[in-house]
Amino acid sequence: MMDAKKALTENDGDMEAAVDWLRTKGLAKAAKKSGRTAAEGLVAVKVEGGKGVAVEVNSETDFRWQKR
């Protein structure tokens, strides 16, 4: 919500420019995270009626938020 408010403020209330600003900001955040490895996660497998599905879920742990 605060990002949306800031985007509108930065772009003098122009909704289209604010949307573009938010997209650019989101891409910059994604680029920062692209080199990280998501090494935690799990794998689930389900086989039924001759058909199977395998699902892999990876996650990245952010240790900054853990209590010390």
Protein backbone atom coordinates (compact mmCIF):
# COMPACT_ATOMS: atom_id res chain seq x y z
CA MET A 1 0.00 0.00 0.00
CA MET A 2 2.82 2.37 0.87
CA ASP A 3 4.56 1.62 -2.43
CA ALA A 4 1.38 2.53 -4.32
CA LYS A 5 1.09 5.81 -2.42
CA LYS A 6 4.76 6.60 -3.05
CA ALA A 7 4.38 5.76 -6.75
CA LEU A 8 1.46 8.17 -7.09
CA THR A 9 3.32 10.87 -5.16
CA GLU A 10 6.47 10.44 -7.27
CA ASN A 11 4.41 10.70 -10.46
CA ASP A 12 2.13 13.61 -9.46
CA GLY A 13 -0.99 11.43 -9.35
CA ASP A 14 -0.54 10.07 -12.89
CA MET A 15 -1.91 6.51 -12.59
CA GLU A 16 -0.22 5.14 -15.74
CA ALA A 17 3.17 6.56 -14.79
CA ALA A 18 2.74 5.20 -11.25
CA VAL A 19 2.05 1.70 -12.62
CA ASP A 20 5.19 1.89 -14.78
CA TRP A 21 7.18 3.13 -11.75
CA LEU A 22 5.97 0.17 -9.67
CA ARG A 23 6.82 -2.30 -12.45
CA THR A 24 10.33 -0.87 -12.75
CA LYS A 25 10.81 -1.05 -8.99
CA GLY A 26 9.58 -4.67 -8.96
CA LEU A 27 11.96 -5.66 -11.76
CA ALA A 28 14.87 -4.11 -9.87
CA LYS A 29 13.99 -6.13 -6.75
CA ALA A 30 13.67 -9.33 -8.81
CA ALA A 31 17.05 -8.74 -10.46
CA LYS A 32 18.70 -8.45 -7.04
CA LYS A 33 17.27 -11.82 -6.00
CA SER A 34 17.91 -13.68 -9.25
CA GLY A 35 21.41 -14.81 -8.24
CA ARG A 36 20.30 -16.33 -4.95
CA THR A 37 19.90 -20.06 -4.48
CA ALA A 38 16.68 -21.41 -3.03
CA ALA A 39 18.16 -24.47 -1.36
CA GLU A 40 15.38 -25.29 1.12
CA GLY A 41 12.19 -27.01 0.11
CA LEU A 42 10.43 -30.29 -0.49
CA VAL A 43 9.38 -32.72 -3.19
CA ALA A 44 6.05 -34.54 -3.30
CA VAL A 45 5.09 -37.40 -5.61
CA LYS A 46 1.58 -38.80 -6.17
CA VAL A 47 0.82 -41.78 -8.40
CA GLU A 48 -2.76 -42.91 -8.95
CA GLY A 49 -4.52 -44.77 -11.74
CA GLY A 50 -1.42 -45.07 -13.88
CA LYS A 51 -0.72 -41.32 -13.79
CA GLY A 52 1.83 -39.51 -11.68
CA VAL A 53 2.66 -36.02 -10.59
CA ALA A 54 5.87 -34.70 -9.04
CA VAL A 55 5.99 -31.26 -7.42
CA GLU A 56 9.11 -29.48 -6.21
CA VAL A 57 8.80 -26.39 -4.00
CA ASN A 58 11.95 -24.42 -3.20
CA SER A 59 12.17 -21.58 -0.74
CA GLU A 60 14.68 -19.02 0.35
CA THR A 61 15.07 -18.43 4.08
CA ASP A 62 15.60 -14.85 5.17
CA PHE A 63 17.54 -15.02 8.41
CA ARG A 64 17.23 -11.29 9.07
CA TRP A 65 13.73 -11.82 10.47
CA GLN A 66 14.59 -14.60 12.91
CA LYS A 67 14.62 -13.84 16.61
CA ARG A 68 18.02 -13.89 18.21
